[in-house]
Amino acid sequence: MTIKLFLSQTDSRPMYLQIMVQIKQKISVGDWQAGFHLPSIREMAAATGVSVITIKRSYSELEREGVIYTQQGRGSFVAESSDMRNELLLAELDEKLKQAVKHAKELGLSDAEITERIQQVLLNTSV
């Protein structure tokens, strides 16, 4: 199995978080389906060039979030949640919306102005 994660030393996010985000992306785009057997902690550490402790933290956080589950002696797997992909996509959307709101606040917009602009975007967007 080829493990392709792209980690950056210049990214302000810690390595464990970069790993978590990329695993979630693989799940949300359908590369890793429900029940997919993730690489072992040691395999992932070797493939990414980060410590076993960093991978263990990533897997632990993903398990805490319900994205993966671990079976003693068997390894870690993508959770069987039927809504997992949708949940991950919504979480990604929430993160983008948070960034947009943060940017609007940096521009000095009030909550009411931000809400008004979002409503304008909704009215002017056709799907």
N, C-alpha and C. Protein backbone atom coordinates (compact mmCIF):
# COMPACT_ATOMS: atom_id res chain seq x y z
N MET A 1 0.85 -1.17 0.00
CA MET A 1 0.00 0.00 0.00
C MET A 1 0.89 1.24 0.00
N THR A 2 0.56 2.19 -0.85
CA THR A 2 1.31 3.44 -0.91
C THR A 2 0.62 4.46 -0.01
N ILE A 3 1.40 5.05 0.86
CA ILE A 3 0.87 6.07 1.76
C ILE A 3 1.38 7.41 1.25
N LYS A 4 0.48 8.23 0.78
CA LYS A 4 0.87 9.53 0.26
C LYS A 4 0.27 10.63 1.12
N LEU A 5 1.06 11.12 2.05
CA LEU A 5 0.70 12.28 2.84
C LEU A 5 1.79 13.31 2.61
N PHE A 6 1.39 14.54 2.47
CA PHE A 6 2.34 15.60 2.20
C PHE A 6 2.41 16.52 3.42
N LEU A 7 3.49 16.38 4.17
CA LEU A 7 3.67 17.16 5.38
C LEU A 7 4.66 18.29 5.11
N SER A 8 4.40 19.43 5.73
CA SER A 8 5.23 20.59 5.47
C SER A 8 5.80 21.14 6.77
N GLN A 9 7.09 21.37 6.77
CA GLN A 9 7.74 21.99 7.93
C GLN A 9 7.37 23.47 8.04
N THR A 10 6.93 24.07 6.92
CA THR A 10 6.59 25.49 6.93
C THR A 10 5.13 25.74 7.32
N ASP A 11 4.33 24.67 7.37
CA ASP A 11 2.93 24.79 7.79
C ASP A 11 2.91 25.12 9.28
N SER A 12 2.08 26.07 9.67
CA SER A 12 2.03 26.47 11.08
C SER A 12 1.34 25.42 11.96
N ARG A 13 0.61 24.50 11.34
CA ARG A 13 -0.07 23.46 12.11
C ARG A 13 0.92 22.37 12.52
N PRO A 14 0.74 21.80 13.72
CA PRO A 14 1.63 20.71 14.13
C PRO A 14 1.45 19.49 13.21
N MET A 15 2.47 18.65 13.15
CA MET A 15 2.48 17.49 12.26
C MET A 15 1.29 16.57 12.51
N TYR A 16 0.96 16.31 13.78
CA TYR A 16 -0.14 15.39 14.05
C TYR A 16 -1.44 15.92 13.44
N LEU A 17 -1.63 17.24 13.46
CA LEU A 17 -2.83 17.84 12.91
C LEU A 17 -2.82 17.77 11.38
N GLN A 18 -1.66 18.00 10.76
CA GLN A 18 -1.55 17.86 9.30
C GLN A 18 -1.92 16.43 8.88
N ILE A 19 -1.46 15.47 9.64
CA ILE A 19 -1.76 14.06 9.34
C ILE A 19 -3.26 13.80 9.48
N MET A 20 -3.86 14.29 10.56
CA MET A 20 -5.30 14.12 10.77
C MET A 20 -6.10 14.70 9.61
N VAL A 21 -5.76 15.92 9.21
CA VAL A 21 -6.48 16.60 8.14
C VAL A 21 -6.38 15.79 6.84
N GLN A 22 -5.20 15.27 6.54
CA GLN A 22 -5.03 14.53 5.29
C GLN A 22 -5.74 13.18 5.32
N ILE A 23 -5.77 12.54 6.47
CA ILE A 23 -6.52 11.28 6.57
C ILE A 23 -8.01 11.57 6.38
N LYS A 24 -8.51 12.63 7.01
CA LYS A 24 -9.91 13.02 6.84
C LYS A 24 -10.21 13.33 5.37
N GLN A 25 -9.28 13.98 4.69
CA GLN A 25 -9.48 14.29 3.27
C GLN A 25 -9.58 13.01 2.46
N LYS A 26 -8.71 12.04 2.75
CA LYS A 26 -8.74 10.77 2.02
C LYS A 26 -10.10 10.09 2.22
N ILE A 27 -10.65 10.19 3.41
CA ILE A 27 -11.96 9.60 3.69
C ILE A 27 -13.06 10.39 2.99
N SER A 28 -13.00 11.72 3.08
CA SER A 28 -14.08 12.54 2.51
C SER A 28 -14.15 12.46 1.00
N VAL A 29 -13.03 12.25 0.32
CA VAL A 29 -13.08 12.14 -1.15
C VAL A 29 -13.30 10.70 -1.59
N GLY A 30 -13.36 9.77 -0.64
CA GLY A 30 -13.66 8.39 -0.98
C GLY A 30 -12.46 7.51 -1.26
N ASP A 31 -11.24 8.04 -1.08
CA ASP A 31 -10.05 7.21 -1.28
C ASP A 31 -9.98 6.09 -0.24
N TRP A 32 -10.34 6.42 1.00
CA TRP A 32 -10.36 5.44 2.08
C TRP A 32 -11.82 5.28 2.52
N GLN A 33 -12.43 4.15 2.19
CA GLN A 33 -13.83 3.87 2.48
C GLN A 33 -14.00 3.34 3.90
N ALA A 34 -15.24 3.29 4.35
CA ALA A 34 -15.55 2.70 5.65
C ALA A 34 -15.00 1.29 5.71
N GLY A 35 -14.34 0.95 6.81
CA GLY A 35 -13.74 -0.37 6.98
C GLY A 35 -12.32 -0.47 6.45
N PHE A 36 -11.83 0.57 5.77
CA PHE A 36 -10.47 0.56 5.24
C PHE A 36 -9.47 0.38 6.37
N HIS A 37 -8.51 -0.52 6.18
CA HIS A 37 -7.48 -0.78 7.18
C HIS A 37 -6.36 0.24 7.01
N LEU A 38 -6.21 1.12 7.98
CA LEU A 38 -5.16 2.13 7.93
C LEU A 38 -3.80 1.48 8.12
N PRO A 39 -2.75 2.13 7.60
CA PRO A 39 -1.41 1.61 7.86
C PRO A 39 -1.16 1.57 9.37
N SER A 40 -0.33 0.64 9.80
CA SER A 40 -0.01 0.58 11.22
C SER A 40 0.72 1.88 11.61
N ILE A 41 0.77 2.13 12.89
CA ILE A 41 1.45 3.34 13.37
C ILE A 41 2.90 3.35 12.90
N ARG A 42 3.56 2.21 12.97
CA ARG A 42 4.96 2.13 12.54
C ARG A 42 5.10 2.35 11.04
N GLU A 43 4.20 1.74 10.25
CA GLU A 43 4.24 1.93 8.79
C GLU A 43 4.03 3.40 8.43
N MET A 44 3.07 4.03 9.08
CA MET A 44 2.77 5.43 8.79
C MET A 44 3.94 6.32 9.20
N ALA A 45 4.56 6.01 10.33
CA ALA A 45 5.71 6.79 10.78
C ALA A 45 6.86 6.68 9.78
N ALA A 46 7.12 5.46 9.32
CA ALA A 46 8.20 5.25 8.35
C ALA A 46 7.90 5.96 7.03
N ALA A 47 6.65 5.90 6.59
CA ALA A 47 6.28 6.49 5.30
C ALA A 47 6.30 8.01 5.33
N THR A 48 5.98 8.60 6.47
CA THR A 48 5.90 10.05 6.56
C THR A 48 7.16 10.70 7.13
N GLY A 49 7.99 9.89 7.75
CA GLY A 49 9.22 10.43 8.33
C GLY A 49 9.01 11.17 9.64
N VAL A 50 7.90 10.89 10.32
CA VAL A 50 7.67 11.50 11.63
C VAL A 50 7.69 10.40 12.69
N SER A 51 7.72 10.81 13.93
CA SER A 51 7.85 9.84 15.01
C SER A 51 6.58 9.01 15.20
N VAL A 52 6.77 7.84 15.78
CA VAL A 52 5.66 6.96 16.13
C VAL A 52 4.71 7.67 17.09
N ILE A 53 5.25 8.48 17.98
CA ILE A 53 4.43 9.21 18.96
C ILE A 53 3.49 10.18 18.25
N THR A 54 3.98 10.83 17.20
CA THR A 54 3.16 11.78 16.44
C THR A 54 2.01 11.05 15.75
N ILE A 55 2.31 9.92 15.13
CA ILE A 55 1.27 9.13 14.45
C ILE A 55 0.26 8.61 15.47
N LYS A 56 0.76 8.13 16.61
CA LYS A 56 -0.13 7.63 17.66
C LYS A 56 -1.09 8.73 18.11
N ARG A 57 -0.59 9.94 18.25
CA ARG A 57 -1.45 11.06 18.66
C ARG A 57 -2.51 11.33 17.58
N SER A 58 -2.11 11.31 16.32
CA SER A 58 -3.06 11.53 15.22
C SER A 58 -4.17 10.48 15.25
N TYR A 59 -3.77 9.22 15.35
CA TYR A 59 -4.74 8.13 15.38
C TYR A 59 -5.65 8.24 16.60
N SER A 60 -5.07 8.58 17.75
CA SER A 60 -5.86 8.71 18.98
C SER A 60 -6.91 9.81 18.86
N GLU A 61 -6.50 10.94 18.29
CA GLU A 61 -7.44 12.05 18.10
C GLU A 61 -8.53 11.68 17.10
N LEU A 62 -8.15 11.00 16.01
CA LEU A 62 -9.13 10.56 15.02
C LEU A 62 -10.12 9.57 15.63
N GLU A 63 -9.63 8.72 16.50
CA GLU A 63 -10.50 7.76 17.18
C GLU A 63 -11.43 8.48 18.14
N ARG A 64 -10.91 9.45 18.86
CA ARG A 64 -11.73 10.24 19.79
C ARG A 64 -12.85 10.95 19.04
N GLU A 65 -12.57 11.40 17.81
CA GLU A 65 -13.56 12.09 16.99
C GLU A 65 -14.53 11.13 16.30
N GLY A 66 -14.26 9.84 16.39
CA GLY A 66 -15.13 8.85 15.76
C GLY A 66 -14.86 8.63 14.29
N VAL A 67 -13.73 9.12 13.80
CA VAL A 67 -13.38 8.97 12.38
C VAL A 67 -12.83 7.57 12.12
N ILE A 68 -12.06 7.05 13.07
CA ILE A 68 -11.50 5.70 12.95
C ILE A 68 -11.78 4.95 14.25
N TYR A 69 -11.56 3.64 14.20
CA TYR A 69 -11.62 2.83 15.42
C TYR A 69 -10.46 1.86 15.38
N THR A 70 -10.04 1.42 16.54
CA THR A 70 -8.89 0.52 16.65
C THR A 70 -9.32 -0.76 17.35
N GLN A 71 -8.86 -1.88 16.79
CA GLN A 71 -9.08 -3.18 17.41
C GLN A 71 -7.72 -3.72 17.84
N GLN A 72 -7.61 -4.04 19.11
CA GLN A 72 -6.36 -4.54 19.66
C GLN A 72 -5.84 -5.73 18.84
N GLY A 73 -4.61 -5.63 18.38
CA GLY A 73 -3.98 -6.71 17.64
C GLY A 73 -4.33 -6.75 16.16
N ARG A 74 -5.31 -5.97 15.73
CA ARG A 74 -5.72 -5.97 14.32
C ARG A 74 -5.36 -4.67 13.61
N GLY A 75 -5.40 -3.55 14.35
CA GLY A 75 -5.07 -2.27 13.74
C GLY A 75 -6.20 -1.27 13.79
N SER A 76 -6.06 -0.22 12.97
CA SER A 76 -7.04 0.86 12.93
C SER A 76 -7.77 0.85 11.60
N PHE A 77 -9.06 1.21 11.66
CA PHE A 77 -9.92 1.14 10.49
C PHE A 77 -10.76 2.41 10.40
N VAL A 78 -11.17 2.75 9.18
CA VAL A 78 -12.09 3.87 8.99
C VAL A 78 -13.44 3.45 9.57
N ALA A 79 -14.03 4.32 10.37
CA ALA A 79 -15.29 4.03 11.03
C ALA A 79 -16.39 3.75 10.03
N GLU A 80 -17.34 2.92 10.43
CA GLU A 80 -18.43 2.46 9.58
C GLU A 80 -19.60 3.43 9.50
N SER A 81 -19.46 4.62 10.03
CA SER A 81 -20.56 5.57 10.03
C SER A 81 -21.01 5.86 8.61
N SER A 82 -22.32 5.71 8.38
CA SER A 82 -22.84 5.94 7.03
C SER A 82 -22.77 7.42 6.67
N ASP A 83 -22.69 8.29 7.67
CA ASP A 83 -22.64 9.72 7.41
C ASP A 83 -21.23 10.29 7.55
N MET A 84 -20.21 9.43 7.69
CA MET A 84 -18.85 9.91 7.95
C MET A 84 -18.38 10.88 6.87
N ARG A 85 -18.55 10.50 5.62
CA ARG A 85 -18.07 11.36 4.54
C ARG A 85 -18.77 12.72 4.59
N ASN A 86 -20.08 12.70 4.78
CA ASN A 86 -20.85 13.94 4.86
C ASN A 86 -20.43 14.77 6.07
N GLU A 87 -20.22 14.11 7.20
CA GLU A 87 -19.79 14.81 8.41
C GLU A 87 -18.44 15.50 8.20
N LEU A 88 -17.52 14.81 7.54
CA LEU A 88 -16.21 15.39 7.29
C LEU A 88 -16.30 16.58 6.33
N LEU A 89 -17.15 16.46 5.32
CA LEU A 89 -17.33 17.57 4.38
C LEU A 89 -17.95 18.78 5.08
N LEU A 90 -18.91 18.53 5.98
CA LEU A 90 -19.51 19.62 6.73
C LEU A 90 -18.51 20.26 7.69
N ALA A 91 -17.65 19.46 8.29
CA ALA A 91 -16.62 20.00 9.18
C ALA A 91 -15.66 20.87 8.38
N GLU A 92 -15.33 20.45 7.17
CA GLU A 92 -14.45 21.24 6.31
C GLU A 92 -15.14 22.55 5.94
N LEU A 93 -16.43 22.50 5.63
CA LEU A 93 -17.19 23.71 5.32
C LEU A 93 -17.20 24.65 6.52
N ASP A 94 -17.44 24.10 7.72
CA ASP A 94 -17.44 24.91 8.93
C ASP A 94 -16.12 25.63 9.11
N GLU A 95 -15.03 24.92 8.84
CA GLU A 95 -13.70 25.53 8.99
C GLU A 95 -13.53 26.68 8.00
N LYS A 96 -13.99 26.50 6.78
CA LYS A 96 -13.89 27.57 5.77
C LYS A 96 -14.76 28.76 6.16
N LEU A 97 -15.95 28.49 6.70
CA LEU A 97 -16.82 29.58 7.14
C LEU A 97 -16.19 30.34 8.31
N LYS A 98 -15.55 29.61 9.23
CA LYS A 98 -14.86 30.27 10.34
C LYS A 98 -13.77 31.19 9.83
N GLN A 99 -13.02 30.73 8.84
CA GLN A 99 -11.96 31.55 8.26
C GLN A 99 -12.54 32.79 7.59
N ALA A 100 -13.68 32.63 6.89
CA ALA A 100 -14.32 33.77 6.23
C ALA A 100 -14.79 34.80 7.26
N VAL A 101 -15.39 34.31 8.35
CA VAL A 101 -15.86 35.22 9.40
C VAL A 101 -14.67 35.92 10.06
N LYS A 102 -13.62 35.18 10.31
CA LYS A 102 -12.41 35.77 10.91
C LYS A 102 -11.87 36.87 10.01
N HIS A 103 -11.82 36.60 8.71
CA HIS A 103 -11.33 37.58 7.74
C HIS A 103 -12.24 38.83 7.73
N ALA A 104 -13.55 38.61 7.77
CA ALA A 104 -14.49 39.73 7.79
C ALA A 104 -14.31 40.58 9.04
N LYS A 105 -14.08 39.93 10.17
CA LYS A 105 -13.87 40.68 11.42
C LYS A 105 -12.56 41.47 11.37
N GLU A 106 -11.54 40.88 10.73
CA GLU A 106 -10.27 41.60 10.56
C GLU A 106 -10.46 42.84 9.69
N LEU A 107 -11.44 42.79 8.79
CA LEU A 107 -11.75 43.94 7.94
C LEU A 107 -12.60 44.97 8.68
N GLY A 108 -13.02 44.62 9.90
CA GLY A 108 -13.78 45.55 10.71
C GLY A 108 -15.28 45.45 10.57
N LEU A 109 -15.79 44.41 9.93
CA LEU A 109 -17.23 44.24 9.77
C LEU A 109 -17.87 43.77 11.07
N SER A 110 -19.06 44.27 11.33
CA SER A 110 -19.81 43.83 12.51
C SER A 110 -20.50 42.50 12.20
N ASP A 111 -21.03 41.86 13.24
CA ASP A 111 -21.75 40.60 13.03
C ASP A 111 -22.93 40.80 12.07
N ALA A 112 -23.64 41.92 12.24
CA ALA A 112 -24.79 42.21 11.38
C ALA A 112 -24.34 42.39 9.93
N GLU A 113 -23.21 43.06 9.73
CA GLU A 113 -22.71 43.27 8.36
C GLU A 113 -22.26 41.94 7.74
N ILE A 114 -21.64 41.10 8.55
CA ILE A 114 -21.21 39.79 8.05
C ILE A 114 -22.43 38.96 7.64
N THR A 115 -23.45 38.96 8.50
CA THR A 115 -24.68 38.22 8.21
C THR A 115 -25.33 38.74 6.93
N GLU A 116 -25.36 40.05 6.78
CA GLU A 116 -25.95 40.65 5.58
C GLU A 116 -25.19 40.24 4.32
N ARG A 117 -23.87 40.23 4.40
CA ARG A 117 -23.06 39.85 3.24
C ARG A 117 -23.27 38.38 2.90
N ILE A 118 -23.38 37.54 3.91
CA ILE A 118 -23.62 36.11 3.66
C ILE A 118 -24.98 35.93 2.99
N GLN A 119 -25.98 36.66 3.45
CA GLN A 119 -27.31 36.58 2.84
C GLN A 119 -27.27 37.04 1.38
N GLN A 120 -26.47 38.08 1.10
CA GLN A 120 -26.33 38.56 -0.27
C GLN A 120 -25.69 37.48 -1.14
N VAL A 121 -24.68 36.83 -0.60
CA VAL A 121 -24.02 35.76 -1.36
C VAL A 121 -25.01 34.62 -1.64
N LEU A 122 -25.81 34.26 -0.64
CA LEU A 122 -26.81 33.20 -0.82
C LEU A 122 -27.81 33.56 -1.91
N LEU A 123 -28.26 34.81 -1.92
CA LEU A 123 -29.24 35.25 -2.92
C LEU A 123 -28.64 35.28 -4.32
N ASN A 124 -27.35 35.53 -4.42
CA ASN A 124 -26.71 35.66 -5.72
C ASN A 124 -26.02 34.40 -6.20
N THR A 125 -26.20 33.30 -5.46
CA THR A 125 -25.55 32.05 -5.82
C THR A 125 -26.59 31.08 -6.36
N SER A 126 -26.32 30.58 -7.54
CA SER A 126 -27.22 29.56 -8.09
C SER A 126 -26.46 28.23 -8.15
N VAL A 127 -27.16 27.18 -7.75
CA VAL A 127 -26.55 25.86 -7.72
C VAL A 127 -27.16 25.00 -8.79
